[in-house]
Amino acid sequence: MPPPVTSSNKSGSGRRRSGGVDGKLSIVTAIIGCALVGSGLYGILRPAAMARAFGVVDVTPNMAVFYPGVGGRNLSAGLAVWAFKLAGERRALGLLLLCWMCTGLADTYLLLIHWAEVDTFWLHVFNTCVLAVVAPSLIWG
């Protein structure tokens, strides 16, 4: 008979997870949630500054007009991260982050095709790689 589901075994798979791994995943997902909420609010309240933080070197008012949308997108994702995290929905959080990798890939592609105009390409690559490690760990770990 498998052990009961506990705080260190929320998947119910019968396997006990190492507290160290769960603790690290909890910290990383909290950072992801805070970063998304923070960047979302930043994009809504200060679109030109968010465009610069996103990586656009010379931000014009015409470019900044779209950044409240980027902010709304990030804010929504960050709130979803926190909702799943607080509800203890580990697999759902992993699936959300796996899907959010598409956003990371799209952002990275956008920066790549405008290479001369941006300077945060590698930050987006790094963030997407973090999601590529964290998401499967939450889903299948």
N, C-alpha and C. Protein backbone atom coordinates (compact mmCIF):
# COMPACT_ATOMS: atom_id res chain seq x y z
N MET A 1 0.84 -1.16 0.00
CA MET A 1 0.00 0.00 0.00
C MET A 1 0.90 1.24 0.00
N PRO A 2 0.64 2.21 -0.92
CA PRO A 2 1.48 3.41 -0.98
C PRO A 2 1.24 4.29 0.25
N PRO A 3 2.28 5.07 0.60
CA PRO A 3 2.12 5.96 1.76
C PRO A 3 1.08 7.03 1.46
N PRO A 4 0.47 7.60 2.48
CA PRO A 4 -0.53 8.64 2.25
C PRO A 4 0.11 9.89 1.66
N VAL A 5 -0.70 10.70 1.01
CA VAL A 5 -0.23 11.95 0.45
C VAL A 5 0.08 12.90 1.59
N THR A 6 1.30 13.43 1.59
CA THR A 6 1.71 14.38 2.63
C THR A 6 2.25 15.63 1.96
N SER A 7 2.64 16.60 2.75
CA SER A 7 3.18 17.84 2.19
C SER A 7 4.44 17.58 1.38
N SER A 8 5.17 16.51 1.67
CA SER A 8 6.36 16.22 0.88
C SER A 8 6.06 15.25 -0.26
N ASN A 9 4.80 14.89 -0.44
CA ASN A 9 4.42 13.94 -1.48
C ASN A 9 3.05 14.33 -2.02
N LYS A 10 2.91 15.52 -2.55
CA LYS A 10 1.61 16.01 -3.00
C LYS A 10 1.14 15.35 -4.29
N SER A 11 2.04 14.72 -5.01
CA SER A 11 1.63 14.13 -6.28
C SER A 11 0.77 12.89 -6.06
N GLY A 12 0.85 12.30 -4.90
CA GLY A 12 0.06 11.10 -4.62
C GLY A 12 0.57 9.88 -5.35
N SER A 13 1.79 9.93 -5.87
CA SER A 13 2.30 8.83 -6.68
C SER A 13 2.84 7.68 -5.84
N GLY A 14 2.88 7.86 -4.52
CA GLY A 14 3.41 6.81 -3.68
C GLY A 14 4.89 6.98 -3.42
N ARG A 15 5.53 7.92 -4.10
CA ARG A 15 6.95 8.17 -3.89
C ARG A 15 7.11 9.35 -2.94
N ARG A 16 8.03 9.25 -2.04
CA ARG A 16 8.34 10.38 -1.16
C ARG A 16 9.41 11.22 -1.83
N ARG A 17 9.18 12.51 -1.87
CA ARG A 17 10.15 13.43 -2.47
C ARG A 17 11.10 13.93 -1.40
N SER A 18 12.27 14.23 -1.83
CA SER A 18 13.25 14.80 -0.92
C SER A 18 12.81 16.21 -0.53
N GLY A 19 12.82 16.51 0.76
CA GLY A 19 12.45 17.84 1.23
C GLY A 19 13.33 18.92 0.62
N GLY A 20 14.59 18.60 0.36
CA GLY A 20 15.50 19.57 -0.24
C GLY A 20 15.07 19.97 -1.64
N VAL A 21 14.66 18.99 -2.43
CA VAL A 21 14.21 19.28 -3.80
C VAL A 21 12.91 20.08 -3.76
N ASP A 22 11.96 19.65 -2.92
CA ASP A 22 10.71 20.39 -2.80
C ASP A 22 10.95 21.81 -2.33
N GLY A 23 11.84 21.97 -1.38
CA GLY A 23 12.15 23.30 -0.86
C GLY A 23 12.73 24.21 -1.94
N LYS A 24 13.64 23.66 -2.73
CA LYS A 24 14.25 24.44 -3.80
C LYS A 24 13.23 24.79 -4.88
N LEU A 25 12.37 23.83 -5.23
CA LEU A 25 11.34 24.12 -6.22
C LEU A 25 10.37 25.18 -5.70
N SER A 26 10.06 25.12 -4.41
CA SER A 26 9.17 26.10 -3.82
C SER A 26 9.78 27.51 -3.90
N ILE A 27 11.06 27.61 -3.62
CA ILE A 27 11.74 28.90 -3.69
C ILE A 27 11.79 29.41 -5.13
N VAL A 28 12.15 28.53 -6.06
CA VAL A 28 12.26 28.94 -7.46
C VAL A 28 10.89 29.36 -8.01
N THR A 29 9.85 28.61 -7.69
CA THR A 29 8.53 29.00 -8.20
C THR A 29 8.04 30.29 -7.54
N ALA A 30 8.41 30.53 -6.30
CA ALA A 30 8.07 31.82 -5.66
C ALA A 30 8.78 32.96 -6.38
N ILE A 31 10.04 32.76 -6.73
CA ILE A 31 10.79 33.78 -7.47
C ILE A 31 10.15 34.03 -8.83
N ILE A 32 9.77 32.95 -9.52
CA ILE A 32 9.13 33.08 -10.82
C ILE A 32 7.82 33.88 -10.68
N GLY A 33 7.01 33.52 -9.69
CA GLY A 33 5.75 34.22 -9.47
C GLY A 33 5.96 35.70 -9.17
N CYS A 34 6.90 36.00 -8.30
CA CYS A 34 7.19 37.40 -7.95
C CYS A 34 7.73 38.17 -9.15
N ALA A 35 8.62 37.54 -9.92
CA ALA A 35 9.18 38.21 -11.10
C ALA A 35 8.10 38.53 -12.13
N LEU A 36 7.17 37.58 -12.31
CA LEU A 36 6.10 37.82 -13.28
C LEU A 36 5.14 38.90 -12.80
N VAL A 37 4.74 38.85 -11.53
CA VAL A 37 3.85 39.89 -11.00
C VAL A 37 4.55 41.25 -11.05
N GLY A 38 5.80 41.29 -10.62
CA GLY A 38 6.55 42.54 -10.62
C GLY A 38 6.73 43.13 -12.01
N SER A 39 7.14 42.29 -12.96
CA SER A 39 7.33 42.78 -14.32
C SER A 39 5.99 43.15 -14.96
N GLY A 40 4.94 42.47 -14.55
CA GLY A 40 3.61 42.82 -15.05
C GLY A 40 3.18 44.20 -14.59
N LEU A 41 3.31 44.45 -13.31
CA LEU A 41 2.95 45.77 -12.78
C LEU A 41 3.84 46.86 -13.37
N TYR A 42 5.11 46.56 -13.53
CA TYR A 42 6.07 47.50 -14.11
C TYR A 42 5.66 47.85 -15.55
N GLY A 43 5.27 46.84 -16.32
CA GLY A 43 4.86 47.08 -17.70
C GLY A 43 3.59 47.88 -17.82
N ILE A 44 2.69 47.71 -16.88
CA ILE A 44 1.43 48.46 -16.90
C ILE A 44 1.66 49.90 -16.45
N LEU A 45 2.43 50.08 -15.38
CA LEU A 45 2.60 51.41 -14.79
C LEU A 45 3.69 52.24 -15.48
N ARG A 46 4.72 51.59 -16.00
CA ARG A 46 5.84 52.30 -16.63
C ARG A 46 6.24 51.59 -17.92
N PRO A 47 5.40 51.69 -18.96
CA PRO A 47 5.65 50.92 -20.19
C PRO A 47 7.00 51.18 -20.85
N ALA A 48 7.44 52.43 -20.91
CA ALA A 48 8.73 52.70 -21.56
C ALA A 48 9.88 52.08 -20.76
N ALA A 49 9.80 52.17 -19.45
CA ALA A 49 10.83 51.56 -18.60
C ALA A 49 10.81 50.04 -18.75
N MET A 50 9.62 49.45 -18.86
CA MET A 50 9.52 48.00 -19.05
C MET A 50 10.08 47.59 -20.41
N ALA A 51 9.84 48.40 -21.42
CA ALA A 51 10.40 48.09 -22.74
C ALA A 51 11.92 48.05 -22.66
N ARG A 52 12.49 48.98 -21.90
CA ARG A 52 13.94 49.00 -21.72
C ARG A 52 14.40 47.77 -20.95
N ALA A 53 13.67 47.43 -19.88
CA ALA A 53 14.02 46.24 -19.09
C ALA A 53 13.87 44.97 -19.92
N PHE A 54 12.90 44.95 -20.83
CA PHE A 54 12.69 43.80 -21.72
C PHE A 54 13.89 43.60 -22.62
N GLY A 55 14.54 44.72 -22.97
CA GLY A 55 15.74 44.61 -23.79
C GLY A 55 15.84 45.59 -24.93
N VAL A 56 14.80 46.39 -25.16
CA VAL A 56 14.84 47.36 -26.26
C VAL A 56 15.76 48.51 -25.84
N VAL A 57 16.81 48.74 -26.61
CA VAL A 57 17.83 49.72 -26.24
C VAL A 57 17.31 51.15 -26.37
N ASP A 58 16.79 51.51 -27.51
CA ASP A 58 16.28 52.87 -27.75
C ASP A 58 14.77 52.82 -27.86
N VAL A 59 14.08 53.04 -26.76
CA VAL A 59 12.63 52.92 -26.70
C VAL A 59 12.00 54.22 -27.19
N THR A 60 11.13 54.09 -28.18
CA THR A 60 10.36 55.25 -28.65
C THR A 60 8.95 55.14 -28.07
N PRO A 61 8.22 56.25 -28.02
CA PRO A 61 6.83 56.17 -27.53
C PRO A 61 5.98 55.17 -28.33
N ASN A 62 6.26 55.04 -29.62
CA ASN A 62 5.50 54.08 -30.44
C ASN A 62 5.78 52.64 -30.02
N MET A 63 7.00 52.37 -29.61
CA MET A 63 7.33 51.02 -29.14
C MET A 63 6.69 50.73 -27.79
N ALA A 64 6.71 51.72 -26.92
CA ALA A 64 6.23 51.53 -25.55
C ALA A 64 4.74 51.30 -25.47
N VAL A 65 4.01 51.65 -26.51
CA VAL A 65 2.55 51.53 -26.48
C VAL A 65 2.08 50.09 -26.25
N PHE A 66 2.88 49.11 -26.64
CA PHE A 66 2.48 47.71 -26.50
C PHE A 66 2.85 47.10 -25.15
N TYR A 67 3.67 47.76 -24.37
CA TYR A 67 4.17 47.15 -23.15
C TYR A 67 3.16 47.01 -22.01
N PRO A 68 2.10 47.82 -21.95
CA PRO A 68 1.06 47.48 -20.97
C PRO A 68 0.44 46.11 -21.25
N GLY A 69 0.37 45.72 -22.52
CA GLY A 69 -0.12 44.38 -22.86
C GLY A 69 0.83 43.30 -22.39
N VAL A 70 2.12 43.53 -22.56
CA VAL A 70 3.13 42.59 -22.04
C VAL A 70 3.01 42.53 -20.52
N GLY A 71 2.80 43.69 -19.91
CA GLY A 71 2.64 43.73 -18.46
C GLY A 71 1.42 42.95 -18.00
N GLY A 72 0.31 43.12 -18.69
CA GLY A 72 -0.90 42.37 -18.34
C GLY A 72 -0.71 40.87 -18.49
N ARG A 73 -0.02 40.49 -19.52
CA ARG A 73 0.28 39.07 -19.77
C ARG A 73 1.12 38.52 -18.63
N ASN A 74 2.18 39.23 -18.24
CA ASN A 74 3.04 38.76 -17.16
C ASN A 74 2.33 38.76 -15.82
N LEU A 75 1.55 39.81 -15.55
CA LEU A 75 0.80 39.88 -14.29
C LEU A 75 -0.16 38.70 -14.18
N SER A 76 -0.88 38.40 -15.24
CA SER A 76 -1.82 37.27 -15.23
C SER A 76 -1.10 35.95 -14.96
N ALA A 77 0.01 35.75 -15.63
CA ALA A 77 0.78 34.51 -15.43
C ALA A 77 1.32 34.43 -14.00
N GLY A 78 1.81 35.55 -13.48
CA GLY A 78 2.33 35.56 -12.12
C GLY A 78 1.26 35.25 -11.09
N LEU A 79 0.06 35.82 -11.28
CA LEU A 79 -1.05 35.51 -10.37
C LEU A 79 -1.46 34.04 -10.47
N ALA A 80 -1.41 33.48 -11.67
CA ALA A 80 -1.72 32.06 -11.83
C ALA A 80 -0.67 31.19 -11.13
N VAL A 81 0.60 31.58 -11.24
CA VAL A 81 1.66 30.85 -10.54
C VAL A 81 1.36 30.82 -9.05
N TRP A 82 1.05 31.99 -8.47
CA TRP A 82 0.76 32.06 -7.03
C TRP A 82 -0.51 31.32 -6.67
N ALA A 83 -1.53 31.38 -7.52
CA ALA A 83 -2.78 30.67 -7.23
C ALA A 83 -2.53 29.16 -7.15
N PHE A 84 -1.83 28.61 -8.14
CA PHE A 84 -1.53 27.17 -8.14
C PHE A 84 -0.60 26.81 -6.99
N LYS A 85 0.37 27.66 -6.72
CA LYS A 85 1.32 27.41 -5.64
C LYS A 85 0.60 27.37 -4.29
N LEU A 86 -0.21 28.37 -4.02
CA LEU A 86 -0.92 28.44 -2.74
C LEU A 86 -1.98 27.36 -2.58
N ALA A 87 -2.55 26.91 -3.69
CA ALA A 87 -3.55 25.85 -3.66
C ALA A 87 -2.90 24.46 -3.58
N GLY A 88 -1.57 24.41 -3.70
CA GLY A 88 -0.88 23.12 -3.65
C GLY A 88 -1.04 22.31 -4.92
N GLU A 89 -1.35 22.97 -6.02
CA GLU A 89 -1.55 22.29 -7.31
C GLU A 89 -0.23 22.22 -8.07
N ARG A 90 0.62 21.34 -7.61
CA ARG A 90 1.97 21.21 -8.14
C ARG A 90 1.99 20.87 -9.64
N ARG A 91 1.24 19.90 -10.05
CA ARG A 91 1.24 19.50 -11.47
C ARG A 91 0.67 20.60 -12.35
N ALA A 92 -0.41 21.25 -11.88
CA ALA A 92 -1.00 22.35 -12.66
C ALA A 92 0.01 23.49 -12.81
N LEU A 93 0.74 23.78 -11.74
CA LEU A 93 1.77 24.81 -11.81
C LEU A 93 2.85 24.41 -12.81
N GLY A 94 3.24 23.16 -12.79
CA GLY A 94 4.23 22.68 -13.76
C GLY A 94 3.73 22.79 -15.19
N LEU A 95 2.47 22.44 -15.42
CA LEU A 95 1.91 22.55 -16.76
C LEU A 95 1.83 24.01 -17.21
N LEU A 96 1.45 24.90 -16.30
CA LEU A 96 1.43 26.33 -16.62
C LEU A 96 2.83 26.80 -17.03
N LEU A 97 3.83 26.44 -16.25
CA LEU A 97 5.19 26.87 -16.56
C LEU A 97 5.71 26.24 -17.85
N LEU A 98 5.30 25.01 -18.11
CA LEU A 98 5.67 24.37 -19.37
C LEU A 98 5.07 25.14 -20.55
N CYS A 99 3.81 25.50 -20.42
CA CYS A 99 3.16 26.31 -21.47
C CYS A 99 3.78 27.70 -21.56
N TRP A 100 4.15 28.26 -20.41
CA TRP A 100 4.74 29.61 -20.39
C TRP A 100 6.08 29.63 -21.12
N MET A 101 6.70 28.47 -21.28
CA MET A 101 7.93 28.40 -22.07
C MET A 101 7.71 28.90 -23.49
N CYS A 102 6.50 28.72 -24.02
CA CYS A 102 6.19 29.23 -25.37
C CYS A 102 6.34 30.75 -25.40
N THR A 103 5.92 31.42 -24.32
CA THR A 103 6.09 32.86 -24.23
C THR A 103 7.57 33.21 -24.19
N GLY A 104 8.34 32.45 -23.41
CA GLY A 104 9.78 32.68 -23.35
C GLY A 104 10.45 32.48 -24.70
N LEU A 105 10.02 31.45 -25.41
CA LEU A 105 10.58 31.20 -26.74
C LEU A 105 10.20 32.31 -27.71
N ALA A 106 8.95 32.77 -27.64
CA ALA A 106 8.50 33.85 -28.53
C ALA A 106 9.26 35.14 -28.22
N ASP A 107 9.42 35.46 -26.95
CA ASP A 107 10.17 36.66 -26.57
C ASP A 107 11.63 36.56 -27.03
N THR A 108 12.22 35.39 -26.84
CA THR A 108 13.62 35.17 -27.25
C THR A 108 13.75 35.31 -28.75
N TYR A 109 12.82 34.76 -29.50
CA TYR A 109 12.84 34.88 -30.97
C TYR A 109 12.72 36.33 -31.39
N LEU A 110 11.82 37.06 -30.76
CA LEU A 110 11.64 38.48 -31.07
C LEU A 110 12.94 39.24 -30.85
N LEU A 111 13.62 38.96 -29.75
CA LEU A 111 14.89 39.63 -29.48
C LEU A 111 15.97 39.19 -30.46
N LEU A 112 15.95 37.94 -30.85
CA LEU A 112 16.95 37.42 -31.79
C LEU A 112 16.84 38.09 -33.16
N ILE A 113 15.62 38.29 -33.64
CA ILE A 113 15.47 38.88 -34.98
C ILE A 113 15.72 40.39 -34.96
N HIS A 114 15.80 40.97 -33.77
CA HIS A 114 16.13 42.39 -33.63
C HIS A 114 17.43 42.55 -32.85
N TRP A 115 18.37 41.68 -33.12
CA TRP A 115 19.61 41.56 -32.36
C TRP A 115 20.31 42.90 -32.12
N ALA A 116 20.42 43.74 -33.11
CA ALA A 116 21.16 45.00 -32.98
C ALA A 116 20.43 46.02 -32.10
N GLU A 117 19.14 45.82 -31.88
CA GLU A 117 18.34 46.79 -31.14
C GLU A 117 18.09 46.39 -29.69
N VAL A 118 18.57 45.24 -29.27
CA VAL A 118 18.26 44.72 -27.93
C VAL A 118 19.54 44.28 -27.21
N ASP A 119 19.41 44.12 -25.89
CA ASP A 119 20.59 43.68 -25.13
C ASP A 119 20.28 42.67 -24.03
N THR A 120 19.10 42.08 -24.02
CA THR A 120 18.78 41.09 -22.97
C THR A 120 18.44 39.71 -23.56
N PHE A 121 18.94 39.42 -24.73
CA PHE A 121 18.68 38.13 -25.37
C PHE A 121 19.03 36.97 -24.45
N TRP A 122 20.24 37.00 -23.88
CA TRP A 122 20.71 35.87 -23.07
C TRP A 122 19.93 35.73 -21.76
N LEU A 123 19.43 36.82 -21.23
CA LEU A 123 18.58 36.74 -20.03
C LEU A 123 17.30 35.97 -20.35
N HIS A 124 16.72 36.21 -21.52
CA HIS A 124 15.52 35.48 -21.92
C HIS A 124 15.82 34.00 -22.17
N VAL A 125 16.97 33.72 -22.75
CA VAL A 125 17.39 32.32 -22.94
C VAL A 125 17.51 31.64 -21.59
N PHE A 126 18.19 32.29 -20.65
CA PHE A 126 18.36 31.73 -19.31
C PHE A 126 17.00 31.47 -18.64
N ASN A 127 16.12 32.45 -18.67
CA ASN A 127 14.80 32.30 -18.03
C ASN A 127 14.02 31.14 -18.64
N THR A 128 14.08 31.00 -19.95
CA THR A 128 13.37 29.91 -20.62
C THR A 128 13.98 28.56 -20.23
N CYS A 129 15.29 28.51 -20.09
CA CYS A 129 15.95 27.27 -19.65
C CYS A 129 15.57 26.90 -18.22
N VAL A 130 15.42 27.91 -17.36
CA VAL A 130 14.96 27.65 -15.98
C VAL A 130 13.59 26.99 -16.03
N LEU A 131 12.70 27.52 -16.86
CA LEU A 131 11.36 26.93 -16.98
C LEU A 131 11.45 25.49 -17.51
N ALA A 132 12.39 25.25 -18.41
CA ALA A 132 12.55 23.91 -18.99
C ALA A 132 12.99 22.89 -17.95
N VAL A 133 13.63 23.33 -16.88
CA VAL A 133 14.04 22.44 -15.80
C VAL A 133 12.96 22.34 -14.73
N VAL A 134 12.40 23.48 -14.34
CA VAL A 134 11.43 23.52 -13.24
C VAL A 134 10.11 22.85 -13.61
N ALA A 135 9.58 23.15 -14.78
CA ALA A 135 8.26 22.63 -15.16
C ALA A 135 8.19 21.09 -15.12
N PRO A 136 9.10 20.38 -15.80
CA PRO A 136 9.03 18.91 -15.71
C PRO A 136 9.24 18.37 -14.29
N SER A 137 10.06 19.09 -13.51
CA SER A 137 10.27 18.65 -12.12
C SER A 137 8.98 18.72 -11.32
N LEU A 138 8.16 19.72 -11.60
CA LEU A 138 6.88 19.86 -10.91
C LEU A 138 5.86 18.84 -11.42
N ILE A 139 5.90 18.57 -12.71
CA ILE A 139 4.92 17.66 -13.32
C ILE A 139 5.23 16.20 -12.99
N TRP A 140 6.47 15.80 -13.21
CA TRP A 140 6.81 14.38 -13.11
C TRP A 140 7.74 14.06 -11.95
N GLY A 141 8.23 15.08 -11.25
CA GLY A 141 9.23 14.87 -10.20
C GLY A 141 8.71 14.27 -8.94
